[in-house]
Amino acid sequence: DEDSTLNKVAEAYFDKESSKTNWTQERKDAYRLYLLDTIGKKKIKSIRLHDINTVRTAMEAQGHTKQTKNGCSPRTIKKVLIQTLKPIMQYAYDNKVISDIPKIELSKHYAKANKAKKRIVTDAGVKLATLYKVIMETYDEDPFYRALFLFALYGRRWGEIKTLCWDDIYFSKNIYRIKEENNKIGEEQFFELPEPIREALEQIDDNRQGLIFKSPITGKTLSTPKRQLAKIKELSNISELTMHYFRHILVSAMGELGTASTILSASLGHTNLNTVNQFYLSANYKKASEITNQTIKQITNIESLVDDSI
């Protein structure tokens, strides 16, 4: 009811309204770090814009790790305020616990910075072709990392890659699966298996049990391959490259060729209904991935785009 604290409403929201996915767990962690002890104990009806601005300002000044000691990134602040707090407040509003929702947004400075980060990649087709060549040549005799980075090149998130299991690969049907608990929309998704990835997977010396990309030391989930990523960054001369930036390059490269945004959204497993519009309501991930794979093949076959010295 209206005397419930934000923490109480958040508990109900995560328990009743949210899918049991890794994305939900990320938002739970964000809530625990930045909202639980700051405004979580306030009655939800008493939370004002001032309280939200206080949280945001504090995050802009300092985070909870060494990497964020000088302030959280716009992406983290967005996760806490827009993707976590806002739907909790909406849940309270929908249940008639509060009569309105305070304005929740990034500060103008951070909103501009976040928008700038998402601008279209320049020369994306060249960068995609370059990355493809670097991956294929650098890991010619290492199918493990060849498959890993090709999955990134073909649009998969790192969280999806590191949780892929051998039983998610259907070689006979030439498709692969992203389990609902390993993506952001809480829905099982199937994508076409690109030939270069299939070949790499078939060459991996493994017992074909459990995780595909498990740590060779512990046998458990692999951490971000920082050393290998640094090698690709140097060889490709793409200094801004991250595991997520592969997706930005892919989207921009396909955009350069006029690929419809609906196809891009479905092939990447996006959840933004404003982007995918009516197409998303019956999104055919496999069909969209087929179009994506053909486009990547077209781009990477244009050898003139890539410096032969790489």
C-alpha atoms as a PDB file:
ATOM      1  CA  ASP A   1       0.000   0.000   0.000  1.00  0.00           C
ATOM      2  CA  GLU A   2       1.016   3.668   0.034  1.00  0.00           C
ATOM      3  CA  ASP A   3       2.856   3.215   3.330  1.00  0.00           C
ATOM      4  CA  SER A   4       5.114   0.564   1.824  1.00  0.00           C
ATOM      5  CA  THR A   5       8.765   1.445   1.461  1.00  0.00           C
ATOM      6  CA  LEU A   6      10.511   1.499  -1.887  1.00  0.00           C
ATOM      7  CA  ASN A   7      12.401  -1.616  -0.780  1.00  0.00           C
ATOM      8  CA  LYS A   8       9.108  -3.438  -0.180  1.00  0.00           C
ATOM      9  CA  VAL A   9       7.715  -2.472  -3.575  1.00  0.00           C
ATOM     10  CA  ALA A  10      11.011  -3.378  -5.279  1.00  0.00           C
ATOM     11  CA  GLU A  11      10.901  -6.804  -3.663  1.00  0.00           C
ATOM     12  CA  ALA A  12       7.378  -7.360  -4.992  1.00  0.00           C
ATOM     13  CA  TYR A  13       8.315  -6.036  -8.437  1.00  0.00           C
ATOM     14  CA  PHE A  14      11.301  -8.339  -8.855  1.00  0.00           C
ATOM     15  CA  ASP A  15       9.343 -11.312  -7.489  1.00  0.00           C
ATOM     16  CA  LYS A  16       6.053 -10.860  -9.374  1.00  0.00           C
ATOM     17  CA  GLU A  17       6.764  -8.759 -12.447  1.00  0.00           C
ATOM     18  CA  SER A  18      10.291  -9.645 -13.615  1.00  0.00           C
ATOM     19  CA  SER A  19      11.519 -12.680 -15.520  1.00  0.00           C
ATOM     20  CA  LYS A  20      14.176 -14.838 -13.878  1.00  0.00           C
ATOM     21  CA  THR A  21      17.010 -13.781 -16.166  1.00  0.00           C
ATOM     22  CA  ASN A  22      20.574 -12.560 -15.875  1.00  0.00           C
ATOM     23  CA  TRP A  23      19.304  -9.109 -16.827  1.00  0.00           C
ATOM     24  CA  THR A  24      16.940  -9.102 -13.857  1.00  0.00           C
ATOM     25  CA  GLN A  25      19.830 -10.121 -11.610  1.00  0.00           C
ATOM     26  CA  GLU A  26      21.907  -7.235 -12.976  1.00  0.00           C
ATOM     27  CA  ARG A  27      19.116  -4.824 -12.076  1.00  0.00           C
ATOM     28  CA  LYS A  28      18.756  -6.379  -8.620  1.00  0.00           C
ATOM     29  CA  ASP A  29      22.475  -5.823  -8.088  1.00  0.00           C
ATOM     30  CA  ALA A  30      22.152  -2.225  -9.290  1.00  0.00           C
ATOM     31  CA  TYR A  31      19.278  -1.668  -6.860  1.00  0.00           C
ATOM     32  CA  ARG A  32      21.240  -3.179  -3.970  1.00  0.00           C
ATOM     33  CA  LEU A  33      24.301  -1.013  -4.636  1.00  0.00           C
ATOM     34  CA  TYR A  34      22.673   2.349  -5.272  1.00  0.00           C
ATOM     35  CA  LEU A  35      19.069   2.417  -4.026  1.00  0.00           C
ATOM     36  CA  LEU A  36      18.635  -0.028  -1.159  1.00  0.00           C
ATOM     37  CA  ASP A  37      20.298   2.123   1.506  1.00  0.00           C
ATOM     38  CA  THR A  38      19.865   5.565  -0.053  1.00  0.00           C
ATOM     39  CA  ILE A  39      16.132   5.943  -0.710  1.00  0.00           C
ATOM     40  CA  GLY A  40      14.976   2.349  -0.286  1.00  0.00           C
ATOM     41  CA  LYS A  41      13.772   2.847   3.288  1.00  0.00           C
ATOM     42  CA  LYS A  42      11.576   5.826   2.395  1.00  0.00           C
ATOM     43  CA  LYS A  43       7.860   5.315   1.928  1.00  0.00           C
ATOM     44  CA  ILE A  44       7.319   5.155  -1.804  1.00  0.00           C
ATOM     45  CA  LYS A  45       4.630   7.856  -1.630  1.00  0.00           C
ATOM     46  CA  SER A  46       7.223  10.216  -0.109  1.00  0.00           C
ATOM     47  CA  ILE A  47       9.867   9.851  -2.794  1.00  0.00           C
ATOM     48  CA  ARG A  48      10.310  13.126  -4.642  1.00  0.00           C
ATOM     49  CA  LEU A  49      12.318  14.362  -7.583  1.00  0.00           C
ATOM     50  CA  HIS A  50      14.827  15.771  -5.103  1.00  0.00           C
ATOM     51  CA  ASP A  51      15.524  12.279  -3.718  1.00  0.00           C
ATOM     52  CA  ILE A  52      16.114  10.863  -7.191  1.00  0.00           C
ATOM     53  CA  ASN A  53      18.357  13.773  -8.160  1.00  0.00           C
ATOM     54  CA  THR A  54      20.359  13.214  -4.974  1.00  0.00           C
ATOM     55  CA  VAL A  55      20.995   9.584  -5.959  1.00  0.00           C
ATOM     56  CA  ARG A  56      21.943  10.578  -9.486  1.00  0.00           C
ATOM     57  CA  THR A  57      24.311  13.327  -8.341  1.00  0.00           C
ATOM     58  CA  ALA A  58      26.008  10.944  -5.917  1.00  0.00           C
ATOM     59  CA  MET A  59      26.500   8.373  -8.689  1.00  0.00           C
ATOM     60  CA  GLU A  60      27.964  11.025 -10.975  1.00  0.00           C
ATOM     61  CA  ALA A  61      30.511  11.796  -8.243  1.00  0.00           C
ATOM     62  CA  GLN A  62      31.470   8.291  -7.120  1.00  0.00           C
ATOM     63  CA  GLY A  63      30.628   4.640  -7.670  1.00  0.00           C
ATOM     64  CA  HIS A  64      31.358   1.455  -5.740  1.00  0.00           C
ATOM     65  CA  THR A  65      34.489   0.239  -7.511  1.00  0.00           C
ATOM     66  CA  LYS A  66      37.997   1.470  -8.227  1.00  0.00           C
ATOM     67  CA  GLN A  67      36.999   1.945 -11.844  1.00  0.00           C
ATOM     68  CA  THR A  68      34.098   4.226 -10.873  1.00  0.00           C
ATOM     69  CA  LYS A  69      35.697   6.123  -8.011  1.00  0.00           C
ATOM     70  CA  ASN A  70      35.449   9.305 -10.089  1.00  0.00           C
ATOM     71  CA  GLY A  71      31.853   8.701 -11.032  1.00  0.00           C
ATOM     72  CA  CYS A  72      29.641   6.067 -12.651  1.00  0.00           C
ATOM     73  CA  SER A  73      29.276   5.848 -16.403  1.00  0.00           C
ATOM     74  CA  PRO A  74      26.078   7.113 -18.060  1.00  0.00           C
ATOM     75  CA  ARG A  75      25.262   3.486 -18.816  1.00  0.00           C
ATOM     76  CA  THR A  76      25.386   2.512 -15.118  1.00  0.00           C
ATOM     77  CA  ILE A  77      23.319   5.525 -14.080  1.00  0.00           C
ATOM     78  CA  LYS A  78      20.787   4.682 -16.783  1.00  0.00           C
ATOM     79  CA  LYS A  79      20.595   1.092 -15.506  1.00  0.00           C
ATOM     80  CA  VAL A  80      19.920   2.260 -11.952  1.00  0.00           C
ATOM     81  CA  LEU A  81      17.466   5.079 -12.631  1.00  0.00           C
ATOM     82  CA  ILE A  82      15.791   4.353 -15.977  1.00  0.00           C
ATOM     83  CA  GLN A  83      15.925   0.554 -16.155  1.00  0.00           C
ATOM     84  CA  THR A  84      15.523  -0.277 -12.461  1.00  0.00           C
ATOM     85  CA  LEU A  85      13.940   2.532 -10.424  1.00  0.00           C
ATOM     86  CA  LYS A  86      11.529   3.746 -13.097  1.00  0.00           C
ATOM     87  CA  PRO A  87       9.792   0.389 -13.719  1.00  0.00           C
ATOM     88  CA  ILE A  88       9.517  -0.144  -9.952  1.00  0.00           C
ATOM     89  CA  MET A  89       7.760   3.219  -9.624  1.00  0.00           C
ATOM     90  CA  GLN A  90       5.592   2.316 -12.630  1.00  0.00           C
ATOM     91  CA  TYR A  91       4.688  -0.966 -10.902  1.00  0.00           C
ATOM     92  CA  ALA A  92       3.583   0.999  -7.828  1.00  0.00           C
ATOM     93  CA  TYR A  93       1.569   3.391 -10.014  1.00  0.00           C
ATOM     94  CA  ASP A  94      -0.115   0.532 -11.897  1.00  0.00           C
ATOM     95  CA  ASN A  95      -1.136  -0.973  -8.547  1.00  0.00           C
ATOM     96  CA  LYS A  96      -2.575   2.406  -7.431  1.00  0.00           C
ATOM     97  CA  VAL A  97      -0.032   2.741  -4.613  1.00  0.00           C
ATOM     98  CA  ILE A  98       1.090   6.175  -5.861  1.00  0.00           C
ATOM     99  CA  SER A  99      -0.818   8.731  -7.900  1.00  0.00           C
ATOM    100  CA  ASP A 100       2.066   9.891 -10.089  1.00  0.00           C
ATOM    101  CA  ILE A 101       5.688   9.086 -10.950  1.00  0.00           C
ATOM    102  CA  PRO A 102       8.473  11.614 -10.337  1.00  0.00           C
ATOM    103  CA  LYS A 103      10.459  12.649 -13.391  1.00  0.00           C
ATOM    104  CA  ILE A 104      13.325  10.169 -13.723  1.00  0.00           C
ATOM    105  CA  GLU A 105      16.064  10.967 -16.227  1.00  0.00           C
ATOM    106  CA  LEU A 106      19.770  11.425 -16.737  1.00  0.00           C
ATOM    107  CA  SER A 107      21.223  14.880 -16.196  1.00  0.00           C
ATOM    108  CA  LYS A 108      21.592  16.887 -19.402  1.00  0.00           C
ATOM    109  CA  HIS A 109      25.372  16.517 -19.316  1.00  0.00           C
ATOM    110  CA  TYR A 110      25.232  12.749 -18.937  1.00  0.00           C
ATOM    111  CA  ALA A 111      22.370  12.370 -21.392  1.00  0.00           C
ATOM    112  CA  LYS A 112      24.464  14.096 -24.049  1.00  0.00           C
ATOM    113  CA  ALA A 113      27.497  11.984 -23.186  1.00  0.00           C
ATOM    114  CA  ASN A 114      25.441   8.804 -23.398  1.00  0.00           C
ATOM    115  CA  LYS A 115      23.935   9.850 -26.720  1.00  0.00           C
ATOM    116  CA  ALA A 116      27.372  10.645 -28.104  1.00  0.00           C
ATOM    117  CA  LYS A 117      28.582   7.153 -27.210  1.00  0.00           C
ATOM    118  CA  LYS A 118      25.837   5.608 -29.327  1.00  0.00           C
ATOM    119  CA  ARG A 119      26.439   7.514 -32.532  1.00  0.00           C
ATOM    120  CA  ILE A 120      26.974   5.572 -35.740  1.00  0.00           C
ATOM    121  CA  VAL A 121      30.448   4.116 -36.189  1.00  0.00           C
ATOM    122  CA  THR A 122      32.336   5.720 -39.072  1.00  0.00           C
ATOM    123  CA  ASP A 123      33.713   3.423 -41.785  1.00  0.00           C
ATOM    124  CA  ALA A 124      31.883   0.549 -40.114  1.00  0.00           C
ATOM    125  CA  GLY A 125      32.044  -1.688 -43.188  1.00  0.00           C
ATOM    126  CA  VAL A 126      35.826  -1.351 -43.316  1.00  0.00           C
ATOM    127  CA  LYS A 127      36.100  -2.053 -39.587  1.00  0.00           C
ATOM    128  CA  LEU A 128      33.872  -5.115 -39.784  1.00  0.00           C
ATOM    129  CA  ALA A 129      35.831  -6.538 -42.706  1.00  0.00           C
ATOM    130  CA  THR A 130      39.094  -5.774 -40.913  1.00  0.00           C
ATOM    131  CA  LEU A 131      37.982  -7.494 -37.724  1.00  0.00           C
ATOM    132  CA  TYR A 132      36.826 -10.537 -39.634  1.00  0.00           C
ATOM    133  CA  LYS A 133      40.187 -10.876 -41.343  1.00  0.00           C
ATOM    134  CA  VAL A 134      42.117 -10.344 -38.105  1.00  0.00           C
ATOM    135  CA  ILE A 135      40.046 -12.961 -36.256  1.00  0.00           C
ATOM    136  CA  MET A 136      40.299 -15.555 -39.019  1.00  0.00           C
ATOM    137  CA  GLU A 137      44.059 -15.106 -39.453  1.00  0.00           C
ATOM    138  CA  THR A 138      45.060 -14.652 -35.818  1.00  0.00           C
ATOM    139  CA  TYR A 139      43.103 -17.671 -34.623  1.00  0.00           C
ATOM    140  CA  ASP A 140      43.505 -19.849 -37.696  1.00  0.00           C
ATOM    141  CA  GLU A 141      44.849 -22.648 -35.484  1.00  0.00           C
ATOM    142  CA  ASP A 142      42.860 -21.718 -32.387  1.00  0.00           C
ATOM    143  CA  PRO A 143      39.175 -22.526 -33.052  1.00  0.00           C
ATOM    144  CA  PHE A 144      38.220 -21.734 -29.426  1.00  0.00           C
ATOM    145  CA  TYR A 145      38.938 -18.003 -29.683  1.00  0.00           C
ATOM    146  CA  ARG A 146      38.030 -17.901 -33.358  1.00  0.00           C
ATOM    147  CA  ALA A 147      34.495 -19.061 -32.506  1.00  0.00           C
ATOM    148  CA  LEU A 148      34.295 -16.791 -29.453  1.00  0.00           C
ATOM    149  CA  PHE A 149      35.150 -13.587 -31.309  1.00  0.00           C
ATOM    150  CA  LEU A 150      33.113 -14.538 -34.362  1.00  0.00           C
ATOM    151  CA  PHE A 151      30.046 -14.831 -32.131  1.00  0.00           C
ATOM    152  CA  ALA A 152      30.771 -11.248 -31.010  1.00  0.00           C
ATOM    153  CA  LEU A 153      31.249 -10.133 -34.621  1.00  0.00           C
ATOM    154  CA  TYR A 154      27.890 -11.659 -35.541  1.00  0.00           C
ATOM    155  CA  GLY A 155      26.102  -9.649 -32.858  1.00  0.00           C
ATOM    156  CA  ARG A 156      26.036 -11.683 -29.684  1.00  0.00           C
ATOM    157  CA  ARG A 157      26.476 -10.028 -26.291  1.00  0.00           C
ATOM    158  CA  TRP A 158      29.324 -11.227 -24.083  1.00  0.00           C
ATOM    159  CA  GLY A 159      26.800 -12.446 -21.518  1.00  0.00           C
ATOM    160  CA  GLU A 160      25.215 -14.629 -24.205  1.00  0.00           C
ATOM    161  CA  ILE A 161      28.541 -15.949 -25.494  1.00  0.00           C
ATOM    162  CA  LYS A 162      30.000 -16.972 -22.145  1.00  0.00           C
ATOM    163  CA  THR A 163      26.841 -18.896 -21.189  1.00  0.00           C
ATOM    164  CA  LEU A 164      26.508 -20.842 -24.454  1.00  0.00           C
ATOM    165  CA  CYS A 165      26.468 -24.592 -23.923  1.00  0.00           C
ATOM    166  CA  TRP A 166      27.062 -27.384 -26.397  1.00  0.00           C
ATOM    167  CA  ASP A 167      23.408 -28.386 -26.141  1.00  0.00           C
ATOM    168  CA  ASP A 168      22.530 -24.912 -27.467  1.00  0.00           C
ATOM    169  CA  ILE A 169      24.166 -25.780 -30.811  1.00  0.00           C
ATOM    170  CA  TYR A 170      21.971 -27.718 -33.238  1.00  0.00           C
ATOM    171  CA  PHE A 171      24.432 -28.733 -35.938  1.00  0.00           C
ATOM    172  CA  SER A 172      21.868 -30.820 -37.833  1.00  0.00           C
ATOM    173  CA  LYS A 173      19.496 -27.841 -38.131  1.00  0.00           C
ATOM    174  CA  ASN A 174      22.274 -25.249 -38.509  1.00  0.00           C
ATOM    175  CA  ILE A 175      20.890 -23.071 -35.701  1.00  0.00           C
ATOM    176  CA  TYR A 176      21.876 -22.129 -32.171  1.00  0.00           C
ATOM    177  CA  ARG A 177      19.890 -21.108 -29.111  1.00  0.00           C
ATOM    178  CA  ILE A 178      20.188 -18.339 -26.553  1.00  0.00           C
ATOM    179  CA  LYS A 179      18.360 -19.523 -23.439  1.00  0.00           C
ATOM    180  CA  GLU A 180      15.769 -17.187 -21.930  1.00  0.00           C
ATOM    181  CA  GLU A 181      17.745 -16.785 -18.703  1.00  0.00           C
ATOM    182  CA  ASN A 182      20.780 -15.596 -20.670  1.00  0.00           C
ATOM    183  CA  ASN A 183      19.249 -12.711 -22.616  1.00  0.00           C
ATOM    184  CA  LYS A 184      17.545  -9.472 -21.673  1.00  0.00           C
ATOM    185  CA  ILE A 185      14.034 -10.257 -22.842  1.00  0.00           C
ATOM    186  CA  GLY A 186      13.486 -13.519 -20.965  1.00  0.00           C
ATOM    187  CA  GLU A 187      12.551 -15.387 -24.122  1.00  0.00           C
ATOM    188  CA  GLU A 188      14.209 -18.350 -25.802  1.00  0.00           C
ATOM    189  CA  GLN A 189      15.763 -17.230 -29.094  1.00  0.00           C
ATOM    190  CA  PHE A 190      17.068 -19.191 -32.081  1.00  0.00           C
ATOM    191  CA  PHE A 191      19.534 -17.848 -34.641  1.00  0.00           C
ATOM    192  CA  GLU A 192      21.054 -19.244 -37.806  1.00  0.00           C
ATOM    193  CA  LEU A 193      24.524 -20.700 -37.217  1.00  0.00           C
ATOM    194  CA  PRO A 194      26.980 -18.905 -39.568  1.00  0.00           C
ATOM    195  CA  GLU A 195      29.319 -21.201 -41.491  1.00  0.00           C
ATOM    196  CA  PRO A 196      32.575 -19.673 -40.116  1.00  0.00           C
ATOM    197  CA  ILE A 197      31.355 -20.200 -36.537  1.00  0.00           C
ATOM    198  CA  ARG A 198      30.149 -23.715 -37.291  1.00  0.00           C
ATOM    199  CA  GLU A 199      33.536 -24.667 -38.710  1.00  0.00           C
ATOM    200  CA  ALA A 200      35.334 -23.269 -35.663  1.00  0.00           C
ATOM    201  CA  LEU A 201      33.026 -25.074 -33.225  1.00  0.00           C
ATOM    202  CA  GLU A 202      33.504 -28.372 -35.027  1.00  0.00           C
ATOM    203  CA  GLN A 203      37.271 -27.994 -34.665  1.00  0.00           C
ATOM    204  CA  ILE A 204      37.256 -27.340 -30.901  1.00  0.00           C
ATOM    205  CA  ASP A 205      38.785 -30.276 -29.026  1.00  0.00           C
ATOM    206  CA  ASP A 206      36.220 -30.733 -26.258  1.00  0.00           C
ATOM    207  CA  ASN A 207      34.035 -33.390 -24.680  1.00  0.00           C
ATOM    208  CA  ARG A 208      30.983 -31.460 -25.912  1.00  0.00           C
ATOM    209  CA  GLN A 209      29.561 -31.242 -22.392  1.00  0.00           C
ATOM    210  CA  GLY A 210      28.417 -28.099 -20.567  1.00  0.00           C
ATOM    211  CA  LEU A 211      29.800 -24.684 -21.439  1.00  0.00           C
ATOM    212  CA  ILE A 212      31.536 -24.127 -24.763  1.00  0.00           C
ATOM    213  CA  PHE A 213      33.750 -21.262 -23.652  1.00  0.00           C
ATOM    214  CA  LYS A 214      34.728 -22.475 -20.184  1.00  0.00           C
ATOM    215  CA  SER A 215      37.944 -21.490 -18.466  1.00  0.00           C
ATOM    216  CA  PRO A 216      40.779 -23.906 -19.367  1.00  0.00           C
ATOM    217  CA  ILE A 217      41.985 -23.606 -15.751  1.00  0.00           C
ATOM    218  CA  THR A 218      38.831 -23.880 -13.654  1.00  0.00           C
ATOM    219  CA  GLY A 219      36.403 -25.377 -16.176  1.00  0.00           C
ATOM    220  CA  LYS A 220      33.901 -22.729 -15.105  1.00  0.00           C
ATOM    221  CA  THR A 221      32.516 -19.621 -16.843  1.00  0.00           C
ATOM    222  CA  LEU A 222      35.200 -17.739 -18.738  1.00  0.00           C
ATOM    223  CA  SER A 223      35.979 -14.173 -17.690  1.00  0.00           C
ATOM    224  CA  THR A 224      36.249 -11.406 -20.284  1.00  0.00           C
ATOM    225  CA  PRO A 225      39.155 -12.333 -22.613  1.00  0.00           C
ATOM    226  CA  LYS A 226      41.070  -9.086 -22.033  1.00  0.00           C
ATOM    227  CA  ARG A 227      44.461 -10.251 -23.332  1.00  0.00           C
ATOM    228  CA  GLN A 228      43.038 -11.673 -26.542  1.00  0.00           C
ATOM    229  CA  LEU A 229      40.845  -8.618 -27.044  1.00  0.00           C
ATOM    230  CA  ALA A 230      43.888  -6.367 -26.620  1.00  0.00           C
ATOM    231  CA  LYS A 231      45.644  -8.368 -29.343  1.00  0.00           C
ATOM    232  CA  ILE A 232      42.736  -7.857 -31.755  1.00  0.00           C
ATOM    233  CA  LYS A 233      42.586  -4.138 -30.930  1.00  0.00           C
ATOM    234  CA  GLU A 234      46.256  -3.760 -31.806  1.00  0.00           C
ATOM    235  CA  LEU A 235      46.144  -5.808 -34.998  1.00  0.00           C
ATOM    236  CA  SER A 236      42.960  -4.146 -36.257  1.00  0.00           C
ATOM    237  CA  ASN A 237      43.982  -0.667 -35.120  1.00  0.00           C
ATOM    238  CA  ILE A 238      40.547  -0.191 -33.544  1.00  0.00           C
ATOM    239  CA  SER A 239      41.575   1.211 -30.172  1.00  0.00           C
ATOM    240  CA  GLU A 240      37.998   1.687 -28.922  1.00  0.00           C
ATOM    241  CA  LEU A 241      37.110  -1.995 -29.406  1.00  0.00           C
ATOM    242  CA  THR A 242      35.266  -3.777 -26.592  1.00  0.00           C
ATOM    243  CA  MET A 243      33.197  -6.950 -26.599  1.00  0.00           C
ATOM    244  CA  HIS A 244      30.057  -4.799 -26.862  1.00  0.00           C
ATOM    245  CA  TYR A 245      31.529  -2.493 -29.522  1.00  0.00           C
ATOM    246  CA  PHE A 246      31.444  -5.416 -31.970  1.00  0.00           C
ATOM    247  CA  ARG A 247      27.666  -4.941 -31.966  1.00  0.00           C
ATOM    248  CA  HIS A 248      27.941  -1.228 -32.679  1.00  0.00           C
ATOM    249  CA  ILE A 249      30.185  -1.940 -35.663  1.00  0.00           C
ATOM    250  CA  LEU A 250      27.811  -4.599 -36.999  1.00  0.00           C
ATOM    251  CA  VAL A 251      24.732  -2.377 -36.701  1.00  0.00           C
ATOM    252  CA  SER A 252      26.457   0.568 -38.370  1.00  0.00           C
ATOM    253  CA  ALA A 253      27.947  -1.582 -41.149  1.00  0.00           C
ATOM    254  CA  MET A 254      24.578  -3.068 -42.007  1.00  0.00           C
ATOM    255  CA  GLY A 255      22.982   0.358 -41.751  1.00  0.00           C
ATOM    256  CA  GLU A 256      25.427   1.602 -44.370  1.00  0.00           C
ATOM    257  CA  LEU A 257      23.988  -1.025 -46.712  1.00  0.00           C
ATOM    258  CA  GLY A 258      20.409   0.041 -45.982  1.00  0.00           C
ATOM    259  CA  THR A 259      19.355  -2.907 -43.816  1.00  0.00           C
ATOM    260  CA  ALA A 260      16.006  -2.212 -42.150  1.00  0.00           C
ATOM    261  CA  SER A 261      16.168  -1.379 -38.447  1.00  0.00           C
ATOM    262  CA  THR A 262      13.566  -4.070 -37.763  1.00  0.00           C
ATOM    263  CA  ILE A 263      15.924  -6.726 -39.133  1.00  0.00           C
ATOM    264  CA  LEU A 264      18.814  -5.318 -37.122  1.00  0.00           C
ATOM    265  CA  SER A 265      16.786  -5.278 -33.918  1.00  0.00           C
ATOM    266  CA  ALA A 266      15.576  -8.854 -34.255  1.00  0.00           C
ATOM    267  CA  SER A 267      18.964 -10.221 -35.302  1.00  0.00           C
ATOM    268  CA  LEU A 268      20.575  -8.650 -32.233  1.00  0.00           C
ATOM    269  CA  GLY A 269      17.778  -9.659 -29.859  1.00  0.00           C
ATOM    270  CA  HIS A 270      16.841  -6.068 -29.013  1.00  0.00           C
ATOM    271  CA  THR A 271      13.900  -5.309 -26.721  1.00  0.00           C
ATOM    272  CA  ASN A 272      13.073  -1.696 -27.604  1.00  0.00           C
ATOM    273  CA  LEU A 273       9.524  -1.723 -28.975  1.00  0.00           C
ATOM    274  CA  ASN A 274       9.956   1.816 -30.296  1.00  0.00           C
ATOM    275  CA  THR A 275      12.726   0.487 -32.526  1.00  0.00           C
ATOM    276  CA  VAL A 276      11.267  -2.771 -33.712  1.00  0.00           C
ATOM    277  CA  ASN A 277       7.655  -1.511 -33.715  1.00  0.00           C
ATOM    278  CA  GLN A 278       5.147  -4.094 -34.915  1.00  0.00           C
ATOM    279  CA  PHE A 279       7.849  -6.381 -36.328  1.00  0.00           C
ATOM    280  CA  TYR A 280       9.098  -7.200 -32.861  1.00  0.00           C
ATOM    281  CA  LEU A 281       5.765  -8.500 -31.727  1.00  0.00           C
ATOM    282  CA  SER A 282       6.326 -11.501 -33.983  1.00  0.00           C
ATOM    283  CA  ALA A 283      10.082 -11.151 -34.428  1.00  0.00           C
ATOM    284  CA  ASN A 284      11.622 -13.968 -36.448  1.00  0.00           C
ATOM    285  CA  TYR A 285      15.109 -14.113 -34.963  1.00  0.00           C
ATOM    286  CA  LYS A 286      16.242 -16.934 -37.236  1.00  0.00           C
ATOM    287  CA  LYS A 287      15.107 -15.177 -40.421  1.00  0.00           C
ATOM    288  CA  ALA A 288      16.644 -11.897 -39.293  1.00  0.00           C
ATOM    289  CA  SER A 289      19.916 -13.642 -38.465  1.00  0.00           C
ATOM    290  CA  GLU A 290      19.960 -15.248 -41.927  1.00  0.00           C
ATOM    291  CA  ILE A 291      19.788 -11.788 -43.501  1.00  0.00           C
ATOM    292  CA  THR A 292      22.450 -10.519 -41.091  1.00  0.00           C
ATOM    293  CA  ASN A 293      24.769 -13.425 -41.888  1.00  0.00           C
ATOM    294  CA  GLN A 294      24.405 -12.860 -45.622  1.00  0.00           C
ATOM    295  CA  THR A 295      25.187  -9.178 -45.182  1.00  0.00           C
ATOM    296  CA  ILE A 296      28.302  -9.927 -43.118  1.00  0.00           C
ATOM    297  CA  LYS A 297      29.412 -12.379 -45.793  1.00  0.00           C
ATOM    298  CA  GLN A 298      28.920  -9.680 -48.405  1.00  0.00           C
ATOM    299  CA  ILE A 299      30.934  -7.144 -46.414  1.00  0.00           C
ATOM    300  CA  THR A 300      33.786  -9.484 -45.463  1.00  0.00           C
ATOM    301  CA  ASN A 301      34.160 -10.698 -49.062  1.00  0.00           C
ATOM    302  CA  ILE A 302      34.990  -7.180 -50.280  1.00  0.00           C
ATOM    303  CA  GLU A 303      38.733  -7.635 -49.960  1.00  0.00           C
ATOM    304  CA  SER A 304      39.465  -4.123 -51.224  1.00  0.00           C
ATOM    305  CA  LEU A 305      38.087  -2.752 -47.968  1.00  0.00           C
ATOM    306  CA  VAL A 306      40.851  -4.311 -45.916  1.00  0.00           C
ATOM    307  CA  ASP A 307      44.504  -3.365 -45.870  1.00  0.00           C
ATOM    308  CA  ASP A 308      46.366  -6.405 -47.146  1.00  0.00           C
ATOM    309  CA  SER A 309      49.173  -5.653 -44.767  1.00  0.00           C
ATOM    310  CA  ILE A 310      47.087  -6.783 -41.778  1.00  0.00           C
END
